[in-house]
């Protein structure tokens, strides 16, 4: 079918999503659709939209060009200056759409296919996997909510994005998004993981808004012959989208190579005029080989976003990941939460702390410049792979981000 963009399509965005002009803290209280600064829907009036009757299909994308400087970039402690993989938002393009089913009470078939690539080289972000970000099909209606099947963000990730860093949407949404891309403060995201990282393979996710409340259930289909628990993930989550006050939490458990990993978390944000403050806590436990004993983590995060109006906004944040008896890999680096620890021979105990900040200059709702930095430090026997054995690392990045 030939693409046929129209003014109505441009004004309304795709698949009934809100446009970038909508206040993300209050949009979609009844529908669950809100603008996420790091989500595909944040392109707003961008994208190429086809509409015909009850059908909507949209082609969209996001391009992030980053130049960075990083200390302790190798085991010898060298500093690296680079055109790096996108620092804030994974470069992506995608297709999403919906089809209104006849003789139903507003029931729609919906889909999303989204691919990530690396701008400096043009390589696929995940070699050999075309739609590594999203590949799902589902149903949505005011009565049902949103039910999707396939590769997609974990439910825990979606509910923790409102406090996990300074850049996600203020409220939990039907749309996917949240968490920055390739930096040292992104690591908090791994506590929202599954048997296959922070996205489900073979996932089933249901979300439903009840006025200002949002409920969610997530399940990852796993199973091997004779072992139906292996590779499964089970999640439940609840959020309150109050506008100026938003709160959410989740309980999440997964089986990775016959070891059970569990996390629970609670957090939220509060908007005071031009300032939004985000804070959250997560507790994580993981079974490990009997010779090592179990792992226990307590992690905390707090951040703020200042939007004075005009072209600029400012972000500042801190997080600490306090690990006790965490399995390490062969290089002595602490494994991420929900990683396979079955082959580990040793553990570490200590803290990983990161402070970060950024400044954005917005030319318009689709194009912006940024300057950002973070400082990672570890203590005890905790060693972070990103710092290559050093107990600290400083990152500085500047970039240009464009949505279409």
Protein backbone atom coordinates (compact mmCIF):
# COMPACT_ATOMS: atom_id res chain seq x y z
CA UNK A 1 0.00 0.00 0.00
CA UNK A 2 1.29 3.49 -0.71
CA UNK A 3 2.10 5.71 2.23
CA UNK A 4 -0.34 8.59 2.40
CA UNK A 5 0.56 11.08 5.16
CA UNK A 6 -2.13 13.59 6.02
CA UNK A 7 -2.45 16.68 8.20
CA UNK A 8 -4.81 14.81 10.50
CA UNK A 9 -2.27 12.05 10.84
CA UNK A 10 0.47 14.53 11.65
CA UNK A 11 -1.67 16.25 14.28
CA UNK A 12 -2.75 13.06 16.01
CA UNK A 13 0.44 10.99 15.84
CA UNK A 14 0.33 7.23 15.32
CA UNK A 15 -2.08 4.69 16.67
CA UNK A 16 -3.87 7.24 18.84
CA UNK A 17 -0.68 8.23 20.69
CA UNK A 18 -0.41 11.70 22.17
CA UNK A 19 1.87 14.23 20.51
CA UNK A 20 5.04 15.66 21.96
CA UNK A 21 3.19 18.85 22.81
CA UNK A 22 1.22 17.02 25.49
CA UNK A 23 2.34 17.29 29.10
CA UNK A 24 3.87 13.86 29.83
CA UNK A 25 2.97 14.06 33.50
CA UNK A 26 -0.75 14.33 32.85
CA UNK A 27 -1.44 13.02 29.35
CA UNK A 28 -3.55 9.93 28.90
CA UNK A 29 -4.73 9.48 32.48
CA UNK A 30 -7.59 7.37 31.20
CA UNK A 31 -5.95 5.66 28.22
CA UNK A 32 -2.46 5.07 29.56
CA UNK A 33 -0.84 6.75 26.54
CA UNK A 34 1.71 9.38 27.55
CA UNK A 35 4.75 10.87 25.87
CA UNK A 36 8.00 9.22 26.95
CA UNK A 37 11.09 11.34 26.18
CA UNK A 38 13.05 8.19 25.30
CA UNK A 39 10.24 6.21 23.72
CA UNK A 40 9.23 5.90 20.09
CA UNK A 41 6.03 7.86 20.74
CA UNK A 42 8.11 10.91 21.65
CA UNK A 43 8.56 11.68 17.95
CA UNK A 44 5.11 13.21 18.21
CA UNK A 45 4.14 14.73 14.87
CA UNK A 46 7.17 13.17 13.16
CA UNK A 47 7.16 9.91 11.28
CA UNK A 48 5.40 8.85 8.11
CA UNK A 49 1.81 7.90 8.90
CA UNK A 50 -0.64 5.97 6.73
CA UNK A 51 -4.33 6.05 7.65
CA UNK A 52 -7.18 4.27 5.95
CA UNK A 53 -10.44 3.56 7.71
CA UNK A 54 -9.56 1.77 10.94
CA UNK A 55 -5.93 1.14 9.91
CA UNK A 56 -2.93 3.16 11.06
CA UNK A 57 0.71 2.36 10.22
CA UNK A 58 3.64 4.59 11.11
CA UNK A 59 7.31 4.60 10.15
CA UNK A 60 9.41 6.41 12.77
CA UNK A 61 12.94 6.66 14.09
CA UNK A 62 15.43 8.27 16.42
CA UNK A 63 19.08 9.14 15.64
CA UNK A 64 21.61 9.96 18.38
CA UNK A 65 25.15 11.08 17.45
CA UNK A 66 27.60 11.04 20.40
CA UNK A 67 31.21 12.14 20.88
CA UNK A 68 32.65 10.94 24.19
CA UNK A 69 35.70 10.95 26.45
CA UNK A 70 36.21 8.11 28.93
CA UNK A 71 38.92 7.44 31.52
CA UNK A 72 40.14 3.93 32.42
CA UNK A 73 38.92 2.74 29.04
CA UNK A 74 41.18 -0.33 29.14
CA UNK A 75 43.12 -2.42 31.66
CA UNK A 76 46.16 -0.13 31.27
CA UNK A 77 44.14 2.89 32.41
CA UNK A 78 44.17 4.77 29.11
CA UNK A 79 41.69 7.54 28.25
CA UNK A 80 39.60 7.13 25.09
CA UNK A 81 38.15 9.85 22.86
CA UNK A 82 35.62 8.37 20.48
CA UNK A 83 32.54 8.70 18.32
CA UNK A 84 30.75 6.27 20.57
CA UNK A 85 27.65 4.15 20.43
CA UNK A 86 24.71 6.44 21.23
CA UNK A 87 25.07 7.72 24.77
CA UNK A 88 21.45 8.53 25.53
CA UNK A 89 19.12 6.79 23.10
CA UNK A 90 19.78 3.73 21.00
CA UNK A 91 19.58 4.62 17.31
CA UNK A 92 16.43 3.01 16.01
CA UNK A 93 13.82 2.79 13.31
CA UNK A 94 10.52 1.03 13.52
CA UNK A 95 7.01 0.33 12.34
CA UNK A 96 3.94 0.37 14.55
CA UNK A 97 0.30 0.20 13.79
CA UNK A 98 -3.23 -0.82 14.59
CA UNK A 99 -6.32 -2.23 12.93
CA UNK A 100 -9.80 -1.61 14.31
CA UNK A 101 -11.65 -4.90 14.49
CA UNK A 102 -15.23 -4.79 13.20
CA UNK A 103 -18.22 -5.51 15.41
CA UNK A 104 -16.25 -5.08 18.64
CA UNK A 105 -16.34 -2.54 21.43
CA UNK A 106 -13.28 -0.64 20.17
CA UNK A 107 -10.97 -3.66 20.08
CA UNK A 108 -7.84 -3.13 17.97
CA UNK A 109 -5.13 -5.44 16.71
CA UNK A 110 -1.78 -3.71 17.33
CA UNK A 111 1.84 -4.42 16.42
CA UNK A 112 5.35 -3.04 16.72
CA UNK A 113 8.63 -3.92 14.98
CA UNK A 114 11.67 -1.91 16.10
CA UNK A 115 15.33 -2.28 15.17
CA UNK A 116 18.45 -0.73 16.73
CA UNK A 117 21.68 0.08 14.89
CA UNK A 118 24.99 1.78 15.69
CA UNK A 119 25.43 5.15 14.02
CA UNK A 120 29.27 5.24 13.90
CA UNK A 121 29.49 2.02 11.86
CA UNK A 122 25.98 1.21 10.64
CA UNK A 123 26.21 -2.19 12.35
CA UNK A 124 23.19 -3.91 13.82
CA UNK A 125 23.12 -3.42 17.58
CA UNK A 126 22.57 -7.16 18.01
CA UNK A 127 24.33 -8.98 15.15
CA UNK A 128 21.96 -11.16 13.16
CA UNK A 129 18.82 -9.89 14.95
CA UNK A 130 16.83 -7.41 12.88
CA UNK A 131 14.10 -6.41 15.36
CA UNK A 132 16.12 -6.61 18.58
CA UNK A 133 14.17 -3.91 20.39
CA UNK A 134 10.59 -4.97 19.66
CA UNK A 135 8.77 -7.65 17.71
CA UNK A 136 5.26 -8.10 19.06
CA UNK A 137 1.59 -8.44 18.15
CA UNK A 138 -1.31 -7.75 20.46
CA UNK A 139 -4.79 -6.47 21.23
CA UNK A 140 -5.95 -3.25 22.88
CA UNK A 141 -9.26 -1.75 23.95
CA UNK A 142 -10.59 0.43 26.77
CA UNK A 143 -12.06 -2.69 28.39
CA UNK A 144 -9.16 -5.07 27.85
CA UNK A 145 -6.26 -2.67 28.26
CA UNK A 146 -3.16 -3.61 26.27
CA UNK A 147 -2.11 -7.25 25.76
CA UNK A 148 1.03 -8.02 23.74
CA UNK A 149 2.93 -11.15 22.72
CA UNK A 150 6.57 -11.34 21.61
CA UNK A 151 9.85 -9.51 22.21
CA UNK A 152 9.33 -6.39 24.31
CA UNK A 153 10.46 -4.52 27.41
CA UNK A 154 10.09 -6.33 30.72
CA UNK A 155 7.13 -5.26 32.80
CA UNK A 156 9.46 -4.32 35.69
CA UNK A 157 11.43 -2.02 33.39
CA UNK A 158 8.25 -0.27 32.29
CA UNK A 159 7.07 0.37 35.84
CA UNK A 160 10.47 1.43 37.21
CA UNK A 161 11.23 3.86 34.37
CA UNK A 162 9.44 6.69 36.21
CA UNK A 163 12.16 6.75 38.89
CA UNK A 164 15.07 4.69 37.50
CA UNK A 165 16.83 7.78 36.14
CA UNK A 166 16.00 11.40 35.34
CA UNK A 167 14.86 10.84 31.76
CA UNK A 168 11.79 8.58 31.69
CA UNK A 169 8.16 9.63 31.58
CA UNK A 170 6.58 10.93 34.77
CA UNK A 171 3.83 8.30 34.72
CA UNK A 172 3.69 4.63 33.77
CA UNK A 173 2.34 4.36 30.23
CA UNK A 174 1.05 1.86 27.72
CA UNK A 175 3.92 2.92 25.45
CA UNK A 176 7.38 1.41 25.89
CA UNK A 177 10.40 3.52 26.79
CA UNK A 178 12.52 4.75 29.66
CA UNK A 179 16.15 4.43 30.78
CA UNK A 180 19.11 5.90 28.94
CA UNK A 181 21.31 3.89 26.66
CA UNK A 182 25.08 3.48 26.99
CA UNK A 183 26.45 4.97 30.20
CA UNK A 184 27.43 4.04 33.72
CA UNK A 185 24.17 5.08 35.39
CA UNK A 186 22.09 2.87 33.10
CA UNK A 187 23.12 -0.16 35.17
CA UNK A 188 20.20 0.29 37.60
CA UNK A 189 18.00 -1.10 34.82
CA UNK A 190 19.32 -4.65 35.26
CA UNK A 191 17.36 -5.07 38.50
CA UNK A 192 14.27 -4.90 36.25
CA UNK A 193 15.50 -7.85 34.20
CA UNK A 194 14.31 -11.24 33.03
CA UNK A 195 15.78 -14.55 31.92
CA UNK A 196 16.86 -12.76 28.71
CA UNK A 197 17.99 -9.35 29.95
CA UNK A 198 15.83 -6.25 30.21
CA UNK A 199 13.60 -7.40 27.34
CA UNK A 200 11.51 -10.53 27.20
CA UNK A 201 11.94 -13.04 24.46
CA UNK A 202 8.58 -14.82 24.09
CA UNK A 203 6.99 -12.35 26.48
CA UNK A 204 3.34 -11.83 27.37
CA UNK A 205 2.52 -8.42 28.89
CA UNK A 206 -0.81 -7.01 30.03
CA UNK A 207 -1.37 -3.43 31.18
CA UNK A 208 -4.64 -1.83 32.17
CA UNK A 209 -5.39 1.68 33.37
CA UNK A 210 -8.17 2.25 35.91
CA UNK A 211 -8.37 6.02 36.02
CA UNK A 212 -5.16 7.06 37.76
CA UNK A 213 -4.14 3.49 38.56
CA UNK A 214 -2.18 1.23 36.20
CA UNK A 215 -1.90 -2.53 36.76
CA UNK A 216 0.40 -4.90 34.95
CA UNK A 217 1.23 -8.60 34.60
CA UNK A 218 4.17 -10.07 32.74
CA UNK A 219 5.15 -13.63 31.85
CA UNK A 220 8.04 -14.95 29.81
CA UNK A 221 7.53 -18.32 28.17
CA UNK A 222 10.56 -20.52 28.78
CA UNK A 223 10.74 -24.22 29.26
CA UNK A 224 12.98 -26.99 28.07
CA UNK A 225 12.04 -30.65 27.55
CA UNK A 226 11.46 -31.93 31.07
CA UNK A 227 12.08 -28.50 32.69
CA UNK A 228 9.26 -26.04 32.13
CA UNK A 229 10.59 -23.57 34.73
CA UNK A 230 13.84 -22.83 32.92
CA UNK A 231 13.92 -19.44 31.22
CA UNK A 232 10.61 -18.24 32.66
CA UNK A 233 9.96 -14.82 34.21
CA UNK A 234 6.93 -13.77 36.23
CA UNK A 235 6.10 -10.17 37.11
CA UNK A 236 3.36 -8.14 38.73
CA UNK A 237 3.28 -4.35 39.01
CA UNK A 238 1.06 -1.47 40.11
CA UNK A 239 1.31 2.29 39.61
CA UNK A 240 -0.50 5.46 40.61
CA UNK A 241 -0.34 8.20 37.96
CA UNK A 242 -1.39 11.24 39.91
CA UNK A 243 0.03 13.98 37.71
CA UNK A 244 2.24 15.87 40.16
CA UNK A 245 2.72 12.70 42.26
CA UNK A 246 3.40 9.33 40.62
CA UNK A 247 4.26 6.08 42.42
CA UNK A 248 4.93 2.55 41.16
CA UNK A 249 6.36 -0.78 42.22
CA UNK A 250 6.94 -4.32 41.01
CA UNK A 251 7.72 -7.87 42.08
CA UNK A 252 9.75 -9.89 39.60
CA UNK A 253 11.23 -13.41 39.55
CA UNK A 254 13.08 -15.39 36.84
CA UNK A 255 14.77 -18.77 36.46
CA UNK A 256 18.20 -18.61 34.80
CA UNK A 257 20.03 -21.92 34.32
CA UNK A 258 17.98 -23.43 37.20
CA UNK A 259 18.86 -20.60 39.62
CA UNK A 260 16.07 -18.29 40.83
CA UNK A 261 16.53 -14.51 40.74
CA UNK A 262 14.06 -12.19 42.49
CA UNK A 263 13.70 -8.43 42.83
CA UNK A 264 11.12 -6.06 44.20
CA UNK A 265 11.11 -2.30 43.97
CA UNK A 266 9.14 0.82 44.81
CA UNK A 267 9.64 4.42 43.80
CA UNK A 268 8.12 7.44 42.17
CA UNK A 269 8.42 11.12 41.46
CA UNK A 270 7.05 14.44 42.61
CA UNK A 271 6.74 17.61 40.54
CA UNK A 272 7.15 20.98 42.23
CA UNK A 273 6.75 23.75 39.69
CA UNK A 274 9.62 23.45 37.24
CA UNK A 275 11.37 20.66 39.21
CA UNK A 276 10.66 16.93 39.18
CA UNK A 277 12.32 14.74 41.82
CA UNK A 278 12.57 10.95 41.28
CA UNK A 279 13.56 8.34 43.87
CA UNK A 280 13.42 4.57 44.17
CA UNK A 281 14.62 1.48 46.04
CA UNK A 282 15.16 -2.10 44.87
CA UNK A 283 16.02 -5.33 46.70
CA UNK A 284 17.50 -8.19 44.70
CA UNK A 285 18.40 -11.77 45.63
CA UNK A 286 19.91 -14.48 43.47
CA UNK A 287 20.56 -18.15 43.98
CA UNK A 288 24.16 -19.07 43.16
CA UNK A 289 26.21 -22.29 43.24
CA UNK A 290 26.08 -23.87 46.70
CA UNK A 291 29.78 -23.25 47.25
CA UNK A 292 29.17 -19.50 46.97
CA UNK A 293 25.87 -18.95 48.74
CA UNK A 294 23.18 -16.49 47.68
CA UNK A 295 23.58 -12.89 46.55
CA UNK A 296 21.77 -9.98 48.20
CA UNK A 297 21.68 -6.41 46.80
CA UNK A 298 20.07 -3.21 48.05
CA UNK A 299 20.06 -0.34 45.57
CA UNK A 300 18.85 3.25 45.76
CA UNK A 301 18.49 6.08 43.28
CA UNK A 302 17.51 9.75 43.40
CA UNK A 303 17.48 12.27 40.57
CA UNK A 304 15.94 15.54 39.51
CA UNK A 305 14.94 17.25 36.27
CA UNK A 306 14.68 21.05 36.02
CA UNK A 307 12.66 22.49 33.12
CA UNK A 308 12.62 26.30 33.43
CA UNK A 309 11.02 26.82 30.04
CA UNK A 310 12.63 28.05 26.88
CA UNK A 311 15.20 25.90 25.11
CA UNK A 312 17.08 24.36 28.06
CA UNK A 313 16.50 21.63 30.65
CA UNK A 314 18.86 20.21 33.27
CA UNK A 315 19.21 16.80 34.99
CA UNK A 316 21.19 15.58 37.99
CA UNK A 317 21.20 12.15 39.65
CA UNK A 318 22.88 9.65 41.97
CA UNK A 319 22.56 5.92 42.48
CA UNK A 320 24.19 3.25 44.61
CA UNK A 321 24.15 -0.50 44.05
CA UNK A 322 25.18 -2.28 47.26
CA UNK A 323 26.04 -5.90 46.55
CA UNK A 324 26.69 -8.62 49.11
CA UNK A 325 28.29 -11.89 47.97
CA UNK A 326 27.75 -11.17 44.27
CA UNK A 327 29.10 -13.69 41.77
CA UNK A 328 31.95 -12.46 39.57
CA UNK A 329 33.01 -13.60 36.12
CA UNK A 330 36.40 -14.98 35.15
CA UNK A 331 37.86 -11.46 35.04
CA UNK A 332 36.73 -10.72 38.60
CA UNK A 333 33.94 -8.32 37.56
CA UNK A 334 30.56 -8.40 39.31
CA UNK A 335 27.84 -9.93 37.15
CA UNK A 336 24.75 -7.89 36.34
CA UNK A 337 21.53 -8.75 38.13
CA UNK A 338 19.68 -11.65 36.43
CA UNK A 339 22.87 -12.78 34.65
CA UNK A 340 23.77 -16.49 34.52
CA UNK A 341 25.98 -17.16 37.56
CA UNK A 342 26.06 -20.96 37.28
CA UNK A 343 29.75 -21.06 36.28
CA UNK A 344 30.97 -18.52 38.86
CA UNK A 345 33.79 -19.55 41.22
CA UNK A 346 34.08 -16.46 43.42
CA UNK A 347 32.09 -13.53 44.81
CA UNK A 348 32.58 -9.88 45.73
CA UNK A 349 31.01 -7.48 48.21
CA UNK A 350 30.96 -3.71 47.87
CA UNK A 351 29.26 -0.62 46.46
CA UNK A 352 28.97 0.74 42.97
CA UNK A 353 28.00 4.42 43.00
CA UNK A 354 27.40 6.80 40.09
CA UNK A 355 26.65 10.51 39.94
CA UNK A 356 25.56 12.07 36.66
CA UNK A 357 24.32 15.28 35.11
CA UNK A 358 23.24 16.69 31.77
CA UNK A 359 22.13 19.81 29.93
CA UNK A 360 19.84 19.72 26.89
CA UNK A 361 19.26 22.49 24.35
CA UNK A 362 16.08 21.89 22.34
CA UNK A 363 15.92 23.49 18.92
CA UNK A 364 12.36 22.18 18.66
CA UNK A 365 10.42 19.10 19.75
CA UNK A 366 12.40 16.82 17.42
CA UNK A 367 16.00 18.06 17.52
CA UNK A 368 18.30 18.77 20.48
CA UNK A 369 21.90 19.09 21.60
CA UNK A 370 23.17 17.67 24.88
CA UNK A 371 26.20 17.71 27.16
CA UNK A 372 26.35 14.96 29.79
CA UNK A 373 28.78 13.32 32.18
CA UNK A 374 28.93 10.69 34.91
CA UNK A 375 31.41 9.49 37.51
CA UNK A 376 31.49 5.83 38.58
CA UNK A 377 33.23 4.64 41.75
CA UNK A 378 33.42 1.25 43.48
CA UNK A 379 34.67 0.07 46.87
CA UNK A 380 35.29 -3.19 48.72
CA UNK A 381 35.93 -6.05 46.32
CA UNK A 382 33.33 -4.79 43.83
CA UNK A 383 34.89 -4.33 40.38
CA UNK A 384 32.90 -2.98 37.43
CA UNK A 385 33.67 -4.34 33.98
CA UNK A 386 33.22 -0.87 32.46
CA UNK A 387 36.21 0.46 34.49
CA UNK A 388 38.45 -2.53 33.55
CA UNK A 389 39.56 -3.19 37.12
CA UNK A 390 40.00 0.44 38.20
CA UNK A 391 37.91 1.73 41.09
CA UNK A 392 36.58 4.74 39.16
CA UNK A 393 35.70 6.01 35.70
CA UNK A 394 34.71 9.44 34.37
CA UNK A 395 32.64 9.83 31.20
CA UNK A 396 31.88 13.01 29.26
CA UNK A 397 29.69 13.09 26.15
CA UNK A 398 28.19 15.62 23.80
CA UNK A 399 25.67 14.79 21.15
CA UNK A 400 22.91 15.66 18.73
CA UNK A 401 19.60 13.79 18.85
CA UNK A 402 16.93 13.86 16.12
CA UNK A 403 13.53 12.18 15.88
CA UNK A 404 11.54 11.51 12.73
